Each structure stands twice: as structure tokens, then as C-alpha cells.
Amino acid sequence: MVSRRQLLQSGLSLAALPWLARAASDSALKTATGPDWAAWTAPTPPLALPDLSGREKKLSAWRGSVVIVSFWATWCDPCRDEIPVMSAMAKRHREQGLRLVAVNVGESLGKISTFLAKWPVAGTVLHDRNSAASKQWEAIGLPANYLVDRGGSVRYWHLGELDWQSDRVGGVVTRMLRA
């Protein structure tokens, strides 16, 4: 498995995020993290972005919950596949403390709203207008998913589509909820 540092040192530029996210195949993204969750070993990046009403939300607002932070875009086919399944998981485990924070990367509010009318998110949608947060989180492709523990620290991450219905992926989430 290739580490985030190795991936970035290989010459991939985070400044090229929009191009890379569109051009990289889902399987190419998964080379960074493997087929399922990979351990996150760096400090948790900051996350403070506006929601769709323009109110700033910070990751610390969800402290005490296990949080799925998912970077996505409307043009991303795997994102469209994942959002309904992640939303169902978030609804199913809401009382246990699971929250979904879906961070749209670089798109207009109109595009986001149109998308959400078809694929609603059972959680909070944030707007990363200029892709600054996705760069800080090293989301070099989409979807990019992160699992944040109840204390507010990222524990796992994954680039590319995850099989949210698999025991391996869901098992990590449920273990974090029990901790």
C-alpha cells in the first residue's frame, strides 16, 4: 500500500485536485489506501466551512459523535453511488452517534441543490468553494472518505468508492461506535 506522503511525493500536486479528481480512475485512487479503510497517521486537519445556508460549521461541533467526512462532487459517479448508502448507514446508526458530513468540493450552490433534490444527504452538507479544505485533508481524488472518532480525530481514510454494505467497511464504523 502506498502512503499519503509517498503518493504526494510521487509528483501528484494537490493544486491539480479538480483535474486529478476527474481524470483519476477509482481503482487508481484506491492504490493510495488499498481496498478498504487505511489508518490515518497524521494530525487531524481543521474543518470549518459554510453549510448551504452560509453558516460556518466546524468539525468540533460533532465532538462526541463518530463522523463520516466525505468529500464529493456532483459529477463524481462513485459519489452518487455512495451518498445514498452512507446516508442509510447514518440514519440506521444515528442514535448510536453516527453523523455524516458531506463536503462538496468546488461547485456552485445551484449544482449542489439540484443534486441534493435527487440524492438527499442524511447529514450536513458543507461547501468547500475553493477546494481549500480538500487540499488540507489531502483529498487528491473523489470520493475521499474519513472516519473521525468521538474525540474529533481522524482514524481512517479511503480514496475512491467504498462498499459501505461490506462487513469490512461497516465493521470499522460499528467498532468505532461501540468504543
N, C-alpha and C. Protein backbone atom coordinates (compact mmCIF):
# COMPACT_ATOMS: atom_id res chain seq x y z
N MET A 1 0.84 -1.17 0.00
CA MET A 1 0.00 0.00 0.00
C MET A 1 0.89 1.24 0.00
N VAL A 2 0.51 2.25 -0.73
CA VAL A 2 1.23 3.50 -0.84
C VAL A 2 0.71 4.46 0.21
N SER A 3 1.61 5.12 0.94
CA SER A 3 1.18 6.08 1.95
C SER A 3 0.79 7.40 1.28
N ARG A 4 0.08 8.25 2.02
CA ARG A 4 -0.28 9.57 1.51
C ARG A 4 0.97 10.34 1.14
N ARG A 5 1.98 10.28 2.01
CA ARG A 5 3.22 11.02 1.77
C ARG A 5 3.88 10.53 0.48
N GLN A 6 3.96 9.21 0.29
CA GLN A 6 4.56 8.66 -0.93
C GLN A 6 3.77 9.08 -2.16
N LEU A 7 2.45 9.06 -2.04
CA LEU A 7 1.61 9.45 -3.16
C LEU A 7 1.88 10.89 -3.55
N LEU A 8 1.96 11.76 -2.56
CA LEU A 8 2.19 13.18 -2.84
C LEU A 8 3.61 13.40 -3.34
N GLN A 9 4.59 12.64 -2.80
CA GLN A 9 5.97 12.79 -3.24
C GLN A 9 6.18 12.23 -4.64
N SER A 10 5.22 11.45 -5.12
CA SER A 10 5.37 10.86 -6.45
C SER A 10 5.19 11.89 -7.56
N GLY A 11 4.87 13.13 -7.16
CA GLY A 11 4.72 14.18 -8.15
C GLY A 11 3.30 14.66 -8.32
N LEU A 12 2.35 14.03 -7.65
CA LEU A 12 0.97 14.50 -7.75
C LEU A 12 0.85 15.80 -6.99
N SER A 13 0.23 16.76 -7.60
CA SER A 13 0.08 18.07 -6.99
C SER A 13 -1.32 18.26 -6.47
N LEU A 14 -1.44 18.65 -5.21
CA LEU A 14 -2.76 18.93 -4.66
C LEU A 14 -3.39 20.12 -5.37
N ALA A 15 -2.59 20.98 -5.95
CA ALA A 15 -3.13 22.11 -6.69
C ALA A 15 -3.89 21.64 -7.93
N ALA A 16 -3.60 20.42 -8.37
CA ALA A 16 -4.26 19.85 -9.55
C ALA A 16 -5.51 19.07 -9.18
N LEU A 17 -6.02 19.28 -7.97
CA LEU A 17 -7.14 18.48 -7.49
C LEU A 17 -8.30 18.38 -8.47
N PRO A 18 -8.86 19.46 -8.99
CA PRO A 18 -10.02 19.29 -9.88
C PRO A 18 -9.69 18.43 -11.09
N TRP A 19 -8.54 18.63 -11.70
CA TRP A 19 -8.18 17.81 -12.86
C TRP A 19 -7.97 16.36 -12.43
N LEU A 20 -7.21 16.16 -11.36
CA LEU A 20 -6.90 14.81 -10.93
C LEU A 20 -8.15 14.05 -10.54
N ALA A 21 -9.02 14.71 -9.80
CA ALA A 21 -10.24 14.03 -9.35
C ALA A 21 -11.09 13.59 -10.52
N ARG A 22 -11.11 14.36 -11.59
CA ARG A 22 -11.90 13.98 -12.76
C ARG A 22 -11.19 12.92 -13.60
N ALA A 23 -9.86 12.98 -13.65
CA ALA A 23 -9.12 12.11 -14.55
C ALA A 23 -8.72 10.77 -13.93
N ALA A 24 -8.53 10.74 -12.63
CA ALA A 24 -8.07 9.51 -11.99
C ALA A 24 -9.20 8.50 -11.91
N SER A 25 -8.87 7.27 -12.22
CA SER A 25 -9.89 6.23 -12.10
C SER A 25 -10.07 5.86 -10.64
N ASP A 26 -11.21 5.29 -10.33
CA ASP A 26 -11.49 4.87 -8.97
C ASP A 26 -10.44 3.88 -8.50
N SER A 27 -10.04 2.94 -9.36
CA SER A 27 -9.05 1.95 -8.95
C SER A 27 -7.68 2.60 -8.73
N ALA A 28 -7.35 3.62 -9.52
CA ALA A 28 -6.07 4.32 -9.31
C ALA A 28 -6.07 5.03 -7.97
N LEU A 29 -7.20 5.62 -7.59
CA LEU A 29 -7.27 6.29 -6.29
C LEU A 29 -7.08 5.29 -5.16
N LYS A 30 -7.65 4.11 -5.32
CA LYS A 30 -7.58 3.12 -4.25
C LYS A 30 -6.15 2.64 -4.00
N THR A 31 -5.23 2.86 -4.94
CA THR A 31 -3.84 2.46 -4.68
C THR A 31 -3.26 3.25 -3.53
N ALA A 32 -3.83 4.40 -3.23
CA ALA A 32 -3.33 5.21 -2.12
C ALA A 32 -3.74 4.63 -0.78
N THR A 33 -4.87 3.95 -0.71
CA THR A 33 -5.39 3.49 0.57
C THR A 33 -5.70 2.00 0.62
N GLY A 34 -5.63 1.32 -0.49
CA GLY A 34 -6.00 -0.09 -0.50
C GLY A 34 -7.49 -0.25 -0.75
N PRO A 35 -8.01 -1.47 -0.62
CA PRO A 35 -9.40 -1.71 -0.97
C PRO A 35 -10.41 -1.21 0.06
N ASP A 36 -9.98 -1.03 1.30
CA ASP A 36 -10.89 -0.61 2.36
C ASP A 36 -10.26 0.55 3.13
N TRP A 37 -10.62 0.70 4.38
CA TRP A 37 -10.09 1.77 5.21
C TRP A 37 -8.59 1.62 5.42
N ALA A 38 -7.88 2.72 5.42
CA ALA A 38 -6.46 2.75 5.79
C ALA A 38 -6.34 3.60 7.04
N ALA A 39 -5.37 3.28 7.88
CA ALA A 39 -5.16 4.05 9.10
C ALA A 39 -4.67 5.45 8.72
N TRP A 40 -5.18 6.44 9.43
CA TRP A 40 -4.75 7.83 9.26
C TRP A 40 -3.73 8.09 10.36
N THR A 41 -2.54 8.55 10.00
CA THR A 41 -1.48 8.72 10.98
C THR A 41 -1.07 10.16 11.21
N ALA A 42 -1.61 11.08 10.42
CA ALA A 42 -1.26 12.50 10.55
C ALA A 42 -2.22 13.18 11.53
N PRO A 43 -1.88 14.38 11.98
CA PRO A 43 -2.83 15.13 12.80
C PRO A 43 -4.12 15.41 12.01
N THR A 44 -5.21 15.58 12.72
CA THR A 44 -6.49 15.86 12.08
C THR A 44 -6.46 17.29 11.52
N PRO A 45 -6.73 17.44 10.22
CA PRO A 45 -6.75 18.78 9.65
C PRO A 45 -7.95 19.58 10.16
N PRO A 46 -7.87 20.90 10.10
CA PRO A 46 -9.03 21.69 10.50
C PRO A 46 -10.15 21.54 9.46
N LEU A 47 -11.37 21.72 9.93
CA LEU A 47 -12.51 21.73 9.02
C LEU A 47 -13.49 22.77 9.54
N ALA A 48 -13.58 23.88 8.82
CA ALA A 48 -14.51 24.96 9.15
C ALA A 48 -15.00 25.52 7.82
N LEU A 49 -16.23 25.16 7.47
CA LEU A 49 -16.79 25.53 6.17
C LEU A 49 -18.25 25.96 6.34
N PRO A 50 -18.76 26.72 5.38
CA PRO A 50 -20.18 27.07 5.45
C PRO A 50 -21.07 25.91 5.03
N ASP A 51 -22.24 25.84 5.68
CA ASP A 51 -23.25 24.90 5.20
C ASP A 51 -23.97 25.58 4.02
N LEU A 52 -25.01 24.99 3.51
CA LEU A 52 -25.67 25.55 2.33
C LEU A 52 -26.45 26.82 2.62
N SER A 53 -26.63 27.14 3.91
CA SER A 53 -27.27 28.40 4.29
C SER A 53 -26.24 29.48 4.58
N GLY A 54 -24.95 29.13 4.47
CA GLY A 54 -23.90 30.10 4.69
C GLY A 54 -23.39 30.16 6.13
N ARG A 55 -23.92 29.34 7.02
CA ARG A 55 -23.46 29.32 8.42
C ARG A 55 -22.23 28.43 8.54
N GLU A 56 -21.19 28.97 9.16
CA GLU A 56 -19.96 28.19 9.32
C GLU A 56 -20.17 27.06 10.31
N LYS A 57 -19.69 25.89 9.92
CA LYS A 57 -19.72 24.70 10.77
C LYS A 57 -18.29 24.21 10.94
N LYS A 58 -17.97 23.81 12.15
CA LYS A 58 -16.64 23.27 12.44
C LYS A 58 -16.75 21.81 12.83
N LEU A 59 -15.71 21.05 12.54
CA LEU A 59 -15.69 19.64 12.89
C LEU A 59 -15.92 19.46 14.38
N SER A 60 -15.44 20.38 15.19
CA SER A 60 -15.59 20.27 16.64
C SER A 60 -17.06 20.25 17.08
N ALA A 61 -17.97 20.72 16.23
CA ALA A 61 -19.40 20.71 16.57
C ALA A 61 -19.94 19.29 16.71
N TRP A 62 -19.24 18.33 16.12
CA TRP A 62 -19.69 16.94 16.18
C TRP A 62 -18.91 16.11 17.19
N ARG A 63 -18.10 16.77 18.03
CA ARG A 63 -17.35 16.03 19.03
C ARG A 63 -18.33 15.24 19.90
N GLY A 64 -17.98 14.01 20.20
CA GLY A 64 -18.88 13.12 20.92
C GLY A 64 -19.59 12.15 20.00
N SER A 65 -19.52 12.41 18.70
CA SER A 65 -20.10 11.53 17.68
C SER A 65 -18.98 10.92 16.85
N VAL A 66 -19.29 9.80 16.21
CA VAL A 66 -18.40 9.26 15.17
C VAL A 66 -18.88 9.91 13.88
N VAL A 67 -17.96 10.48 13.11
CA VAL A 67 -18.33 11.27 11.95
C VAL A 67 -17.70 10.69 10.68
N ILE A 68 -18.53 10.51 9.68
CA ILE A 68 -18.04 10.22 8.33
C ILE A 68 -17.91 11.58 7.65
N VAL A 69 -16.70 11.95 7.27
CA VAL A 69 -16.48 13.17 6.48
C VAL A 69 -16.22 12.69 5.07
N SER A 70 -17.09 13.09 4.15
CA SER A 70 -16.99 12.62 2.77
C SER A 70 -16.86 13.81 1.83
N PHE A 71 -15.75 13.88 1.11
CA PHE A 71 -15.55 14.90 0.09
C PHE A 71 -16.11 14.34 -1.22
N TRP A 72 -16.95 15.13 -1.91
CA TRP A 72 -17.66 14.65 -3.08
C TRP A 72 -17.93 15.79 -4.05
N ALA A 73 -18.41 15.43 -5.23
CA ALA A 73 -18.85 16.40 -6.23
C ALA A 73 -19.99 15.79 -7.04
N THR A 74 -20.79 16.65 -7.65
CA THR A 74 -21.97 16.18 -8.38
C THR A 74 -21.60 15.37 -9.62
N TRP A 75 -20.46 15.65 -10.23
CA TRP A 75 -20.06 14.96 -11.45
C TRP A 75 -19.41 13.60 -11.17
N CYS A 76 -19.19 13.28 -9.91
CA CYS A 76 -18.46 12.08 -9.50
C CYS A 76 -19.42 10.89 -9.41
N ASP A 77 -19.32 9.95 -10.37
CA ASP A 77 -20.20 8.78 -10.37
C ASP A 77 -20.11 7.96 -9.08
N PRO A 78 -18.91 7.64 -8.58
CA PRO A 78 -18.85 6.88 -7.33
C PRO A 78 -19.48 7.64 -6.15
N CYS A 79 -19.39 8.97 -6.18
CA CYS A 79 -20.03 9.78 -5.11
C CYS A 79 -21.54 9.58 -5.14
N ARG A 80 -22.11 9.59 -6.34
CA ARG A 80 -23.56 9.38 -6.47
C ARG A 80 -23.96 7.99 -5.98
N ASP A 81 -23.09 7.02 -6.19
CA ASP A 81 -23.38 5.66 -5.71
C ASP A 81 -23.27 5.58 -4.18
N GLU A 82 -22.31 6.29 -3.61
CA GLU A 82 -22.05 6.19 -2.18
C GLU A 82 -23.03 6.97 -1.31
N ILE A 83 -23.43 8.14 -1.74
CA ILE A 83 -24.22 9.01 -0.87
C ILE A 83 -25.49 8.33 -0.34
N PRO A 84 -26.28 7.66 -1.16
CA PRO A 84 -27.48 7.02 -0.60
C PRO A 84 -27.15 5.93 0.43
N VAL A 85 -26.07 5.19 0.21
CA VAL A 85 -25.71 4.11 1.12
C VAL A 85 -25.13 4.68 2.42
N MET A 86 -24.29 5.71 2.32
CA MET A 86 -23.77 6.37 3.52
C MET A 86 -24.91 7.01 4.30
N SER A 87 -25.85 7.61 3.59
CA SER A 87 -26.99 8.24 4.25
C SER A 87 -27.82 7.20 5.01
N ALA A 88 -28.03 6.05 4.39
CA ALA A 88 -28.79 4.98 5.05
C ALA A 88 -28.06 4.51 6.31
N MET A 89 -26.73 4.39 6.23
CA MET A 89 -25.95 3.99 7.39
C MET A 89 -26.05 5.04 8.49
N ALA A 90 -25.95 6.31 8.11
CA ALA A 90 -26.04 7.40 9.10
C ALA A 90 -27.40 7.39 9.79
N LYS A 91 -28.47 7.15 9.03
CA LYS A 91 -29.81 7.07 9.64
C LYS A 91 -29.92 5.87 10.58
N ARG A 92 -29.42 4.74 10.13
CA ARG A 92 -29.53 3.49 10.90
C ARG A 92 -28.80 3.58 12.24
N HIS A 93 -27.67 4.30 12.26
CA HIS A 93 -26.84 4.38 13.47
C HIS A 93 -26.88 5.75 14.14
N ARG A 94 -27.85 6.57 13.80
CA ARG A 94 -27.93 7.92 14.36
C ARG A 94 -28.00 7.91 15.89
N GLU A 95 -28.82 7.05 16.45
CA GLU A 95 -28.96 7.01 17.91
C GLU A 95 -27.69 6.53 18.60
N GLN A 96 -26.84 5.83 17.87
CA GLN A 96 -25.56 5.39 18.43
C GLN A 96 -24.49 6.47 18.28
N GLY A 97 -24.82 7.56 17.59
CA GLY A 97 -23.88 8.67 17.49
C GLY A 97 -23.17 8.82 16.17
N LEU A 98 -23.67 8.20 15.10
CA LEU A 98 -23.02 8.35 13.79
C LEU A 98 -23.57 9.58 13.08
N ARG A 99 -22.67 10.39 12.51
CA ARG A 99 -23.06 11.57 11.76
C ARG A 99 -22.35 11.56 10.41
N LEU A 100 -23.01 12.11 9.41
CA LEU A 100 -22.46 12.23 8.06
C LEU A 100 -22.27 13.70 7.74
N VAL A 101 -21.06 14.07 7.37
CA VAL A 101 -20.74 15.42 6.93
C VAL A 101 -20.24 15.30 5.50
N ALA A 102 -21.05 15.74 4.55
CA ALA A 102 -20.73 15.64 3.13
C ALA A 102 -20.20 16.99 2.65
N VAL A 103 -18.94 17.01 2.23
CA VAL A 103 -18.27 18.25 1.84
C VAL A 103 -18.19 18.31 0.32
N ASN A 104 -18.98 19.21 -0.27
CA ASN A 104 -18.92 19.38 -1.72
C ASN A 104 -17.68 20.18 -2.07
N VAL A 105 -16.96 19.72 -3.09
CA VAL A 105 -15.70 20.33 -3.48
C VAL A 105 -15.87 21.16 -4.75
N GLY A 106 -15.81 22.48 -4.59
CA GLY A 106 -15.64 23.41 -5.69
C GLY A 106 -16.80 23.64 -6.63
N GLU A 107 -18.02 23.36 -6.23
CA GLU A 107 -19.14 23.53 -7.15
C GLU A 107 -20.07 24.64 -6.69
N SER A 108 -20.94 25.07 -7.59
CA SER A 108 -21.88 26.15 -7.27
C SER A 108 -23.01 25.62 -6.40
N LEU A 109 -23.62 26.53 -5.64
CA LEU A 109 -24.75 26.16 -4.80
C LEU A 109 -25.91 25.61 -5.63
N GLY A 110 -26.10 26.14 -6.84
CA GLY A 110 -27.16 25.65 -7.72
C GLY A 110 -26.96 24.19 -8.09
N LYS A 111 -25.75 23.83 -8.47
CA LYS A 111 -25.46 22.43 -8.82
C LYS A 111 -25.66 21.52 -7.62
N ILE A 112 -25.21 21.99 -6.45
CA ILE A 112 -25.34 21.18 -5.24
C ILE A 112 -26.82 20.95 -4.92
N SER A 113 -27.61 22.01 -4.99
CA SER A 113 -29.04 21.91 -4.67
C SER A 113 -29.77 20.98 -5.63
N THR A 114 -29.45 21.07 -6.91
CA THR A 114 -30.06 20.19 -7.90
C THR A 114 -29.71 18.74 -7.60
N PHE A 115 -28.46 18.49 -7.28
CA PHE A 115 -28.00 17.14 -6.93
C PHE A 115 -28.75 16.62 -5.71
N LEU A 116 -28.84 17.45 -4.66
CA LEU A 116 -29.45 17.02 -3.41
C LEU A 116 -30.95 16.76 -3.55
N ALA A 117 -31.58 17.38 -4.54
CA ALA A 117 -33.00 17.09 -4.79
C ALA A 117 -33.19 15.64 -5.24
N LYS A 118 -32.18 15.10 -5.94
CA LYS A 118 -32.23 13.71 -6.41
C LYS A 118 -31.64 12.73 -5.40
N TRP A 119 -30.53 13.14 -4.79
CA TRP A 119 -29.80 12.29 -3.86
C TRP A 119 -29.63 13.03 -2.54
N PRO A 120 -30.65 13.02 -1.68
CA PRO A 120 -30.54 13.74 -0.41
C PRO A 120 -29.49 13.12 0.51
N VAL A 121 -28.91 13.96 1.33
CA VAL A 121 -27.90 13.53 2.29
C VAL A 121 -28.52 13.53 3.68
N ALA A 122 -28.39 12.41 4.38
CA ALA A 122 -28.89 12.32 5.76
C ALA A 122 -27.79 12.80 6.69
N GLY A 123 -27.55 14.08 6.64
CA GLY A 123 -26.49 14.68 7.44
C GLY A 123 -26.35 16.13 7.07
N THR A 124 -25.16 16.65 7.26
CA THR A 124 -24.87 18.05 7.00
C THR A 124 -24.04 18.16 5.72
N VAL A 125 -24.43 19.08 4.85
CA VAL A 125 -23.68 19.33 3.62
C VAL A 125 -22.92 20.65 3.81
N LEU A 126 -21.61 20.57 3.58
CA LEU A 126 -20.76 21.76 3.66
C LEU A 126 -20.24 22.09 2.26
N HIS A 127 -19.84 23.35 2.09
CA HIS A 127 -19.44 23.84 0.78
C HIS A 127 -17.98 24.29 0.80
N ASP A 128 -17.14 23.51 0.16
CA ASP A 128 -15.71 23.83 0.03
C ASP A 128 -15.51 24.51 -1.33
N ARG A 129 -15.95 25.76 -1.40
CA ARG A 129 -15.98 26.52 -2.67
C ARG A 129 -14.67 26.51 -3.43
N ASN A 130 -13.57 26.77 -2.73
CA ASN A 130 -12.29 26.92 -3.41
C ASN A 130 -11.37 25.70 -3.22
N SER A 131 -11.89 24.61 -2.73
CA SER A 131 -11.16 23.35 -2.55
C SER A 131 -10.06 23.43 -1.49
N ALA A 132 -10.05 24.47 -0.68
CA ALA A 132 -9.00 24.63 0.33
C ALA A 132 -9.06 23.52 1.38
N ALA A 133 -10.25 23.16 1.83
CA ALA A 133 -10.37 22.10 2.84
C ALA A 133 -9.95 20.76 2.26
N SER A 134 -10.36 20.47 1.03
CA SER A 134 -9.99 19.18 0.44
C SER A 134 -8.47 19.07 0.30
N LYS A 135 -7.80 20.17 0.04
CA LYS A 135 -6.33 20.16 -0.03
C LYS A 135 -5.74 19.89 1.34
N GLN A 136 -6.29 20.52 2.38
CA GLN A 136 -5.77 20.30 3.73
C GLN A 136 -5.98 18.85 4.17
N TRP A 137 -7.06 18.25 3.72
CA TRP A 137 -7.37 16.86 4.08
C TRP A 137 -6.71 15.88 3.11
N GLU A 138 -5.92 16.38 2.16
CA GLU A 138 -5.21 15.56 1.18
C GLU A 138 -6.16 14.68 0.38
N ALA A 139 -7.31 15.22 0.06
CA ALA A 139 -8.30 14.52 -0.76
C ALA A 139 -7.92 14.75 -2.22
N ILE A 140 -7.02 13.94 -2.73
CA ILE A 140 -6.49 14.15 -4.07
C ILE A 140 -7.38 13.56 -5.15
N GLY A 141 -8.48 12.98 -4.77
CA GLY A 141 -9.46 12.45 -5.70
C GLY A 141 -10.77 12.29 -4.98
N LEU A 142 -11.82 12.03 -5.73
CA LEU A 142 -13.15 11.91 -5.13
C LEU A 142 -13.79 10.60 -5.52
N PRO A 143 -14.55 10.01 -4.64
CA PRO A 143 -14.80 10.44 -3.27
C PRO A 143 -13.59 10.19 -2.38
N ALA A 144 -13.50 11.00 -1.33
CA ALA A 144 -12.48 10.82 -0.29
C ALA A 144 -13.24 10.79 1.03
N ASN A 145 -13.13 9.68 1.74
CA ASN A 145 -13.90 9.48 2.97
C ASN A 145 -12.98 9.32 4.17
N TYR A 146 -13.39 9.88 5.29
CA TYR A 146 -12.62 9.87 6.52
C TYR A 146 -13.54 9.49 7.67
N LEU A 147 -13.03 8.70 8.60
CA LEU A 147 -13.77 8.36 9.82
C LEU A 147 -13.13 9.09 10.99
N VAL A 148 -13.93 9.88 11.66
CA VAL A 148 -13.46 10.70 12.79
C VAL A 148 -14.04 10.10 14.06
N ASP A 149 -13.19 9.91 15.07
CA ASP A 149 -13.66 9.31 16.32
C ASP A 149 -14.40 10.34 17.18
N ARG A 150 -14.94 9.88 18.29
CA ARG A 150 -15.75 10.74 19.17
C ARG A 150 -14.96 11.90 19.76
N GLY A 151 -13.64 11.76 19.80
CA GLY A 151 -12.79 12.84 20.31
C GLY A 151 -12.42 13.87 19.26
N GLY A 152 -12.83 13.64 18.01
CA GLY A 152 -12.55 14.60 16.94
C GLY A 152 -11.30 14.33 16.13
N SER A 153 -10.74 13.12 16.24
CA SER A 153 -9.52 12.78 15.50
C SER A 153 -9.83 11.82 14.35
N VAL A 154 -9.25 12.09 13.20
CA VAL A 154 -9.38 11.18 12.06
C VAL A 154 -8.63 9.90 12.41
N ARG A 155 -9.29 8.77 12.22
CA ARG A 155 -8.68 7.46 12.49
C ARG A 155 -8.45 6.67 11.21
N TYR A 156 -9.36 6.82 10.22
CA TYR A 156 -9.27 6.07 8.97
C TYR A 156 -9.62 6.96 7.80
N TRP A 157 -9.15 6.56 6.62
CA TRP A 157 -9.48 7.29 5.40
C TRP A 157 -9.49 6.32 4.24
N HIS A 158 -10.09 6.79 3.13
CA HIS A 158 -10.12 5.98 1.92
C HIS A 158 -10.37 6.88 0.72
N LEU A 159 -9.61 6.66 -0.34
CA LEU A 159 -9.83 7.35 -1.61
C LEU A 159 -10.53 6.41 -2.56
N GLY A 160 -11.53 6.91 -3.28
CA GLY A 160 -12.28 6.07 -4.20
C GLY A 160 -13.50 5.49 -3.51
N GLU A 161 -14.33 4.85 -4.29
CA GLU A 161 -15.58 4.31 -3.78
C GLU A 161 -15.35 3.16 -2.80
N LEU A 162 -16.11 3.19 -1.72
CA LEU A 162 -16.11 2.11 -0.73
C LEU A 162 -17.40 1.30 -0.86
N ASP A 163 -17.32 0.04 -0.52
CA ASP A 163 -18.52 -0.78 -0.45
C ASP A 163 -19.06 -0.67 0.97
N TRP A 164 -19.93 0.31 1.19
CA TRP A 164 -20.44 0.62 2.52
C TRP A 164 -21.29 -0.51 3.09
N GLN A 165 -21.69 -1.45 2.25
CA GLN A 165 -22.50 -2.56 2.74
C GLN A 165 -21.65 -3.77 3.12
N SER A 166 -20.35 -3.70 2.86
CA SER A 166 -19.48 -4.83 3.21
C SER A 166 -19.22 -4.86 4.71
N ASP A 167 -18.97 -6.06 5.22
CA ASP A 167 -18.68 -6.22 6.64
C ASP A 167 -17.37 -5.52 7.02
N ARG A 168 -16.40 -5.52 6.13
CA ARG A 168 -15.11 -4.89 6.44
C ARG A 168 -15.25 -3.39 6.61
N VAL A 169 -15.99 -2.76 5.73
CA VAL A 169 -16.15 -1.29 5.80
C VAL A 169 -17.08 -0.92 6.95
N GLY A 170 -18.25 -1.54 6.98
CA GLY A 170 -19.21 -1.25 8.05
C GLY A 170 -18.73 -1.66 9.42
N GLY A 171 -17.93 -2.73 9.48
CA GLY A 171 -17.42 -3.20 10.76
C GLY A 171 -16.54 -2.19 11.45
N VAL A 172 -15.74 -1.47 10.69
CA VAL A 172 -14.89 -0.43 11.28
C VAL A 172 -15.77 0.67 11.89
N VAL A 173 -16.82 1.04 11.17
CA VAL A 173 -17.74 2.07 11.68
C VAL A 173 -18.40 1.60 12.96
N THR A 174 -18.94 0.39 12.96
CA THR A 174 -19.64 -0.08 14.16
C THR A 174 -18.69 -0.27 15.34
N ARG A 175 -17.45 -0.69 15.09
CA ARG A 175 -16.48 -0.78 16.21
C ARG A 175 -16.21 0.59 16.79
N MET A 176 -16.10 1.60 15.94
CA MET A 176 -15.87 2.97 16.44
C MET A 176 -17.07 3.45 17.24
N LEU A 177 -18.27 3.08 16.82
CA LEU A 177 -19.47 3.49 17.55
C LEU A 177 -19.52 2.84 18.92
N ARG A 178 -18.98 1.65 19.07
CA ARG A 178 -19.01 0.93 20.35
C ARG A 178 -17.91 1.40 21.31
N ALA A 179 -16.90 2.07 20.76
CA ALA A 179 -15.76 2.50 21.59
C ALA A 179 -16.12 3.65 22.51
